[in-house]
Amino acid sequence: MAPIIAVVGATGNQGGSVARSLLRSPAFRVRAITRNPMSEASRALASSGAEVVQADGFNSQEMLAAFRGAWGAFVNLNSDDKIWKIPGGPTEFDLGKKIVDAAAQAGVKHLVFSSGPPCVEMTGGIVNMNAMEMKYKTEQYAKQLGEFETITPINAAWYLENFLDKQVAPIFGGFPYLLDEEGFLTFHVPHWGGDNLVPFLGVRDDYGDIVQGIFLDPSRWKGRVIHGASDMLSFTQLVADFEEAFDTREIPELEDVKLMFGFTQITSGRYFGPEPSETSTATGLKRATAQAIGRPVTQQRLISAKEWFAMHFATRCREEDDGCVKAEGLSQSQVDPVIEVLVDVKLL
């Protein structure tokens, strides 16, 4: 019988991608752990073949029961949960520790943990991104337990899906939805650092496949930090890819953002850890998963930023009426906005 992979956070962006990828493979069974098994996302996973189990991460007995019999586990913690803001309340590490302890006690052999870089260590104490530090601290705790056969941390890159959130657009000058006062569609960002190649991730398209690739051969990836990225490119190239995909002729908090850029400026653009960022490992993991579940060669690659923008923003013309469907948010009067990218701001 196929081994069970327990997915903590199965109804979220990362966990959902992992669960959906695993559900496509006969090599694994999926146990989706959620606080609300009656949510729409939970029911969708159940209808796709997942075993949906109710458990609260702070309830050790519920988590122990949820992990029991699982061969592997993917764990992602929600750093945006408002509970972390309560004075004197629990921390993300408190939750992570309880979940890791339960997985270890239940006999889970292989843990893939959604982690983050040691920001304080890498910047000599200058930058402290609390969410990343809590994840890294939890990862280190899991390693120190010595109860798992393998532990593989995976650090997620900048979500391409963030560009679908109109509430995020004003933070970066309006791109890709809002024109500025001069009629420009502007992407206003600081320098990234180093060679200014920024790692981006198509969460829905690639993240789950990368994680499944780890579970296909967990011993190979034991202890190695996996760079969860689909593409690496400059902000200027990102905007150029957007312009090509969306033919303009035809048609979390700001402080956290500042800390992210401050971090990468100090570390010379190294986002995942002390080593240079790369996508070659993710490429191999994506290919391994695609081959395991029988995808054609054309669907064995990571998605590029250009392909992602084409999927979500491209103007698509129908041959039958020569009409075009324009990206949401841009009207006909905005047919020829000039897109510019400003990267002349240094935070630290």
Protein backbone atom coordinates (compact mmCIF):
# COMPACT_ATOMS: atom_id res chain seq x y z
CA MET A 1 0.00 0.00 0.00
CA ALA A 2 1.25 3.48 -0.86
CA PRO A 3 2.77 5.44 2.05
CA ILE A 4 0.81 8.29 3.61
CA ILE A 5 2.05 11.88 3.41
CA ALA A 6 0.44 14.10 6.04
CA VAL A 7 0.11 17.71 4.89
CA VAL A 8 -0.17 20.38 7.58
CA GLY A 9 -1.68 23.55 6.15
CA ALA A 10 -3.28 21.59 3.32
CA THR A 11 -5.85 24.29 2.55
CA GLY A 12 -3.25 27.07 2.21
CA ASN A 13 -1.20 28.13 -0.80
CA GLN A 14 1.82 25.93 -0.15
CA GLY A 15 0.06 22.98 1.47
CA GLY A 16 -2.68 23.00 -1.14
CA SER A 17 -0.13 22.84 -3.94
CA VAL A 18 1.65 19.96 -2.20
CA ALA A 19 -1.57 18.04 -1.60
CA ARG A 20 -2.77 18.46 -5.20
CA SER A 21 0.56 17.31 -6.60
CA LEU A 22 0.68 14.24 -4.38
CA LEU A 23 -2.91 13.35 -5.23
CA ARG A 24 -1.89 12.99 -8.87
CA SER A 25 0.61 10.27 -7.97
CA PRO A 26 -0.22 6.61 -7.29
CA ALA A 27 2.99 6.46 -5.23
CA PHE A 28 1.46 8.30 -2.26
CA ARG A 29 -1.70 8.70 -0.24
CA VAL A 30 -2.56 12.14 1.08
CA ARG A 31 -3.77 12.99 4.56
CA ALA A 32 -4.81 16.65 4.70
CA ILE A 33 -4.66 18.05 8.23
CA THR A 34 -6.83 21.10 8.81
CA ARG A 35 -8.65 22.91 11.59
CA ASN A 36 -11.80 23.07 9.48
CA PRO A 37 -12.58 19.88 7.53
CA MET A 38 -15.86 21.40 6.32
CA SER A 39 -14.30 24.34 4.50
CA GLU A 40 -14.63 24.55 0.74
CA ALA A 41 -10.93 23.87 0.27
CA SER A 42 -11.09 20.83 2.57
CA ARG A 43 -14.08 19.40 0.73
CA ALA A 44 -12.32 19.90 -2.60
CA LEU A 45 -9.33 17.90 -1.36
CA ALA A 46 -11.62 15.17 -0.06
CA SER A 47 -13.40 14.94 -3.40
CA SER A 48 -10.00 14.55 -5.09
CA GLY A 49 -9.15 11.57 -2.91
CA ALA A 50 -7.45 13.03 0.15
CA GLU A 51 -8.17 11.80 3.66
CA VAL A 52 -9.15 14.99 5.49
CA VAL A 53 -8.45 15.00 9.23
CA GLN A 54 -9.39 17.67 11.76
CA ALA A 55 -6.64 18.75 14.15
CA ASP A 56 -5.54 21.96 15.85
CA GLY A 57 -1.78 22.46 15.86
CA PHE A 58 -1.83 23.55 19.48
CA ASN A 59 -3.61 20.33 20.52
CA SER A 60 -0.88 17.72 20.89
CA GLN A 61 -3.26 14.77 21.14
CA GLU A 62 -5.16 15.76 18.00
CA MET A 63 -1.91 16.21 16.09
CA LEU A 64 -0.54 12.90 17.34
CA ALA A 65 -3.66 11.12 16.09
CA ALA A 66 -3.48 12.99 12.77
CA PHE A 67 0.14 11.96 12.17
CA ARG A 68 -0.20 8.36 13.29
CA GLY A 69 0.57 5.96 10.45
CA ALA A 70 2.07 8.65 8.20
CA TRP A 71 5.38 7.86 6.50
CA GLY A 72 6.13 11.47 5.63
CA ALA A 73 4.89 14.93 6.53
CA PHE A 74 4.95 18.34 4.92
CA VAL A 75 4.54 21.17 7.42
CA ASN A 76 3.91 24.84 6.68
CA LEU A 77 2.99 27.36 9.36
CA ASN A 78 0.90 30.45 8.68
CA SER A 79 3.14 33.39 9.57
CA ASP A 80 0.28 35.83 8.93
CA ASP A 81 -1.96 34.42 11.67
CA LYS A 82 -3.15 37.33 13.83
CA ILE A 83 -2.57 35.27 16.96
CA TRP A 84 1.17 36.03 16.74
CA LYS A 85 0.41 39.73 17.27
CA ILE A 86 -1.28 39.23 20.64
CA PRO A 87 0.94 40.60 23.45
CA GLY A 88 2.06 37.74 25.63
CA GLY A 89 0.44 35.25 23.25
CA PRO A 90 1.99 32.18 21.64
CA THR A 91 4.66 32.44 18.97
CA GLU A 92 4.95 30.67 15.65
CA PHE A 93 7.77 28.63 17.17
CA ASP A 94 5.46 27.47 19.97
CA LEU A 95 3.11 26.07 17.34
CA GLY A 96 5.90 24.60 15.24
CA LYS A 97 7.42 22.86 18.24
CA LYS A 98 4.12 21.18 19.15
CA ILE A 99 3.56 19.99 15.59
CA VAL A 100 7.12 18.69 15.21
CA ASP A 101 6.92 16.91 18.57
CA ALA A 102 3.67 15.22 17.57
CA ALA A 103 5.10 14.11 14.22
CA ALA A 104 8.16 12.67 15.92
CA GLN A 105 6.10 10.88 18.57
CA ALA A 106 3.82 9.42 15.89
CA GLY A 107 6.80 7.89 14.11
CA VAL A 108 6.87 10.04 10.96
CA LYS A 109 10.08 9.15 9.13
CA HIS A 110 10.50 11.95 6.60
CA LEU A 111 9.79 15.62 7.34
CA VAL A 112 9.74 18.33 4.69
CA PHE A 113 9.49 21.66 6.49
CA SER A 114 8.67 25.03 4.95
CA SER A 115 11.44 27.09 6.49
CA GLY A 116 13.26 30.36 6.02
CA PRO A 117 16.81 31.74 6.07
CA PRO A 118 18.58 32.78 9.29
CA CYS A 119 18.21 36.50 8.65
CA VAL A 120 19.80 37.73 11.89
CA GLU A 121 22.82 35.49 11.43
CA MET A 122 23.27 36.33 7.75
CA THR A 123 23.07 40.10 8.33
CA GLY A 124 25.10 40.30 11.52
CA GLY A 125 22.02 41.24 13.51
CA ILE A 126 20.96 44.13 11.27
CA VAL A 127 17.78 42.58 9.87
CA ASN A 128 15.30 40.47 11.83
CA MET A 129 12.42 39.11 9.75
CA ASN A 130 10.46 37.50 12.56
CA ALA A 131 8.51 35.06 10.39
CA MET A 132 11.71 33.73 8.81
CA GLU A 133 13.47 33.49 12.16
CA MET A 134 10.57 31.52 13.69
CA LYS A 135 10.59 29.07 10.80
CA TYR A 136 14.35 28.65 10.93
CA LYS A 137 14.21 28.14 14.71
CA THR A 138 11.57 25.44 14.27
CA GLU A 139 13.67 23.74 11.57
CA GLN A 140 16.69 23.68 13.88
CA TYR A 141 14.59 22.30 16.72
CA ALA A 142 13.33 19.46 14.49
CA LYS A 143 16.91 18.59 13.54
CA GLN A 144 18.08 18.61 17.15
CA LEU A 145 15.40 16.09 18.14
CA GLY A 146 17.13 13.38 16.13
CA GLU A 147 13.84 11.50 15.72
CA PHE A 148 13.36 11.72 11.94
CA GLU A 149 15.22 9.69 9.32
CA THR A 150 15.35 12.74 7.09
CA ILE A 151 14.54 16.43 7.47
CA THR A 152 14.52 18.61 4.38
CA PRO A 153 13.85 22.35 4.68
CA ILE A 154 12.41 24.15 1.67
CA ASN A 155 12.42 27.93 1.47
CA ALA A 156 9.81 29.47 -0.81
CA ALA A 157 10.74 32.33 -3.13
CA TRP A 158 8.68 35.45 -3.93
CA TYR A 159 5.24 34.23 -4.97
CA LEU A 160 4.30 35.16 -8.53
CA GLU A 161 0.73 34.87 -7.25
CA ASN A 162 1.32 38.06 -5.24
CA PHE A 163 0.89 39.92 -8.52
CA LEU A 164 -2.74 38.73 -8.60
CA ASP A 165 -3.49 40.57 -5.33
CA LYS A 166 -4.62 44.10 -6.08
CA GLN A 167 -4.08 45.09 -2.45
CA VAL A 168 -0.36 44.46 -2.87
CA ALA A 169 0.00 46.57 -6.04
CA PRO A 170 0.16 50.03 -4.37
CA ILE A 171 3.17 48.94 -2.30
CA PHE A 172 5.15 48.58 -5.51
CA GLY A 173 3.92 51.65 -7.37
CA GLY A 174 0.75 50.07 -8.78
CA PHE A 175 2.19 47.29 -10.95
CA PRO A 176 0.51 45.40 -12.56
CA TYR A 177 -2.91 47.05 -12.04
CA LEU A 178 -2.78 50.76 -11.24
CA LEU A 179 -1.48 53.58 -13.43
CA ASP A 180 0.38 56.42 -11.76
CA GLU A 181 -0.50 60.12 -12.11
CA GLU A 182 1.43 60.38 -15.38
CA GLY A 183 -0.27 57.38 -16.95
CA PHE A 184 2.57 54.95 -16.40
CA LEU A 185 2.25 51.41 -15.14
CA THR A 186 5.16 51.54 -12.71
CA PHE A 187 6.93 48.83 -10.75
CA HIS A 188 8.75 50.74 -8.04
CA VAL A 189 11.14 48.53 -6.07
CA PRO A 190 14.48 48.85 -4.30
CA HIS A 191 17.60 47.10 -5.47
CA TRP A 192 17.53 43.40 -4.59
CA GLY A 193 21.27 43.06 -4.00
CA GLY A 194 24.14 41.17 -5.58
CA ASP A 195 23.48 40.51 -9.25
CA ASN A 196 19.84 41.63 -8.77
CA LEU A 197 18.47 38.29 -9.96
CA VAL A 198 15.33 37.74 -7.89
CA PRO A 199 13.92 34.25 -7.23
CA PHE A 200 10.21 33.92 -8.04
CA LEU A 201 7.91 30.96 -7.44
CA GLY A 202 4.76 29.80 -9.18
CA VAL A 203 3.21 28.27 -6.06
CA ARG A 204 0.32 26.54 -7.76
CA ASP A 205 2.30 25.39 -10.79
CA ASP A 206 5.58 24.24 -9.26
CA TYR A 207 5.80 24.22 -5.47
CA GLY A 208 3.89 20.99 -4.86
CA ASP A 209 5.84 19.17 -7.57
CA ILE A 210 9.14 20.29 -6.03
CA VAL A 211 8.05 18.95 -2.65
CA GLN A 212 6.82 15.68 -4.14
CA GLY A 213 10.21 15.33 -5.80
CA ILE A 214 11.78 15.40 -2.33
CA PHE A 215 9.47 12.64 -1.08
CA LEU A 216 10.33 10.50 -4.09
CA ASP A 217 13.92 10.24 -2.81
CA PRO A 218 14.08 11.75 0.70
CA SER A 219 17.50 10.34 1.60
CA ARG A 220 19.09 12.20 -1.30
CA TRP A 221 17.83 15.55 -0.02
CA LYS A 222 18.37 14.96 3.70
CA GLY A 223 19.47 18.16 5.44
CA ARG A 224 19.78 20.13 2.24
CA VAL A 225 18.03 23.51 1.97
CA ILE A 226 15.86 23.38 -1.15
CA HIS A 227 15.43 26.67 -2.97
CA GLY A 228 11.72 26.77 -3.81
CA ALA A 229 11.94 28.88 -6.94
CA SER A 230 10.57 28.64 -10.49
CA ASP A 231 12.57 31.41 -12.14
CA MET A 232 15.33 33.92 -11.38
CA LEU A 233 15.40 37.24 -13.18
CA SER A 234 15.86 40.96 -12.66
CA PHE A 235 12.93 43.28 -12.01
CA THR A 236 13.60 44.91 -15.37
CA GLN A 237 13.32 41.54 -17.13
CA LEU A 238 10.20 40.73 -15.10
CA VAL A 239 8.50 43.86 -16.41
CA ALA A 240 9.70 43.08 -19.95
CA ASP A 241 8.18 39.60 -19.65
CA PHE A 242 4.93 41.14 -18.44
CA GLU A 243 4.86 43.53 -21.40
CA GLU A 244 5.43 40.67 -23.83
CA ALA A 245 2.81 38.46 -22.21
CA PHE A 246 0.25 41.23 -21.77
CA ASP A 247 0.30 43.03 -25.09
CA THR A 248 -0.38 46.62 -24.03
CA ARG A 249 -0.85 47.60 -27.62
CA GLU A 250 -4.11 45.68 -27.42
CA ILE A 251 -5.63 46.64 -24.87
CA PRO A 252 1.43 42.18 4.11
CA GLU A 253 2.67 45.01 5.27
CA LEU A 254 5.15 47.59 3.97
CA GLU A 255 7.51 47.11 6.88
CA ASP A 256 7.91 43.42 6.06
CA VAL A 257 8.70 44.36 2.47
CA LYS A 258 11.37 46.81 3.63
CA LEU A 259 12.95 44.13 5.80
CA MET A 260 12.98 41.66 2.91
CA PHE A 261 14.85 44.07 0.64
CA GLY A 262 17.14 45.16 3.44
CA PHE A 263 17.99 41.53 4.02
CA THR A 264 18.82 40.75 0.40
CA GLN A 265 20.81 43.97 -0.04
CA ILE A 266 23.06 43.03 2.88
CA THR A 267 23.41 39.40 1.76
CA SER A 268 24.19 40.34 -1.87
CA GLY A 269 20.88 38.92 -3.05
CA ARG A 270 21.14 35.58 -1.23
CA TYR A 271 17.57 34.93 -0.15
CA PHE A 272 17.42 31.24 0.77
CA GLY A 273 20.53 31.02 2.92
CA PRO A 274 24.30 31.58 2.82
CA GLU A 275 24.68 29.84 -0.54
CA PRO A 276 23.87 31.58 -3.87
CA SER A 277 20.24 31.24 -4.98
CA GLU A 278 19.61 28.71 -7.73
CA THR A 279 16.82 26.84 -9.51
CA SER A 280 18.72 23.79 -10.78
CA THR A 281 17.70 21.67 -7.77
CA ALA A 282 14.03 22.65 -8.12
CA THR A 283 14.29 21.88 -11.83
CA GLY A 284 15.43 18.34 -11.09
CA LEU A 285 12.76 17.80 -8.43
CA LYS A 286 10.04 19.09 -10.75
CA ARG A 287 11.22 16.74 -13.51
CA ALA A 288 11.34 13.76 -11.13
CA THR A 289 7.76 14.36 -10.04
CA ALA A 290 6.53 14.93 -13.60
CA GLN A 291 8.12 11.69 -14.76
CA ALA A 292 6.76 9.79 -11.79
CA ILE A 293 3.18 10.78 -12.54
CA GLY A 294 3.53 10.42 -16.32
CA ARG A 295 3.45 14.00 -17.56
CA PRO A 296 4.65 14.64 -21.12
CA VAL A 297 8.10 16.17 -21.60
CA THR A 298 6.57 19.57 -22.36
CA GLN A 299 5.09 19.66 -18.85
CA GLN A 300 8.22 18.70 -16.96
CA ARG A 301 9.71 22.20 -16.69
CA LEU A 302 9.37 24.85 -14.00
CA ILE A 303 7.17 27.71 -15.09
CA SER A 304 8.96 30.91 -16.12
CA ALA A 305 7.81 34.37 -15.15
CA LYS A 306 6.98 35.05 -18.79
CA GLU A 307 4.83 31.92 -19.03
CA TRP A 308 3.14 32.74 -15.72
CA PHE A 309 2.25 36.27 -16.83
CA ALA A 310 1.01 34.91 -20.16
CA MET A 311 -1.27 32.54 -18.27
CA HIS A 312 -2.74 35.18 -15.97
CA PHE A 313 -2.51 38.49 -17.85
CA ALA A 314 -2.08 37.84 -21.57
CA THR A 315 -4.41 39.36 -24.12
CA ARG A 316 -5.97 36.46 -25.96
CA CYS A 317 -7.62 37.12 -29.35
CA ARG A 318 -10.31 34.84 -30.71
CA GLU A 319 -10.03 33.98 -34.37
CA GLU A 320 -13.75 33.81 -34.85
CA ASP A 321 -14.42 37.47 -34.12
CA ASP A 322 -10.96 39.05 -33.89
CA GLY A 323 -11.97 40.25 -30.45
CA CYS A 324 -9.64 40.37 -27.52
CA VAL A 325 -10.14 39.62 -23.85
CA LYS A 326 -8.20 42.20 -21.87
CA ALA A 327 -6.59 41.72 -18.49
CA GLU A 328 -8.88 42.67 -15.65
CA GLY A 329 -8.36 46.21 -14.38
CA LEU A 330 -7.15 47.90 -17.60
CA SER A 331 -9.69 49.65 -19.81
CA GLN A 332 -9.56 50.49 -23.51
CA SER A 333 -8.57 54.05 -22.63
CA GLN A 334 -5.37 52.64 -21.14
CA VAL A 335 -4.33 50.91 -24.34
CA ASP A 336 -0.74 52.15 -24.50
CA PRO A 337 0.59 52.77 -20.99
CA VAL A 338 4.37 52.81 -20.82
CA ILE A 339 5.66 50.38 -18.22
CA GLU A 340 8.75 51.42 -16.30
CA VAL A 341 10.62 49.87 -13.44
CA LEU A 342 12.35 52.02 -10.82
CA VAL A 343 15.04 50.23 -8.89
CA ASP A 344 17.07 53.15 -7.64
CA VAL A 345 16.08 53.03 -3.98
CA LYS A 346 18.48 51.51 -1.46
CA LEU A 347 17.00 50.82 1.94
CA LEU A 348 20.11 50.09 3.98
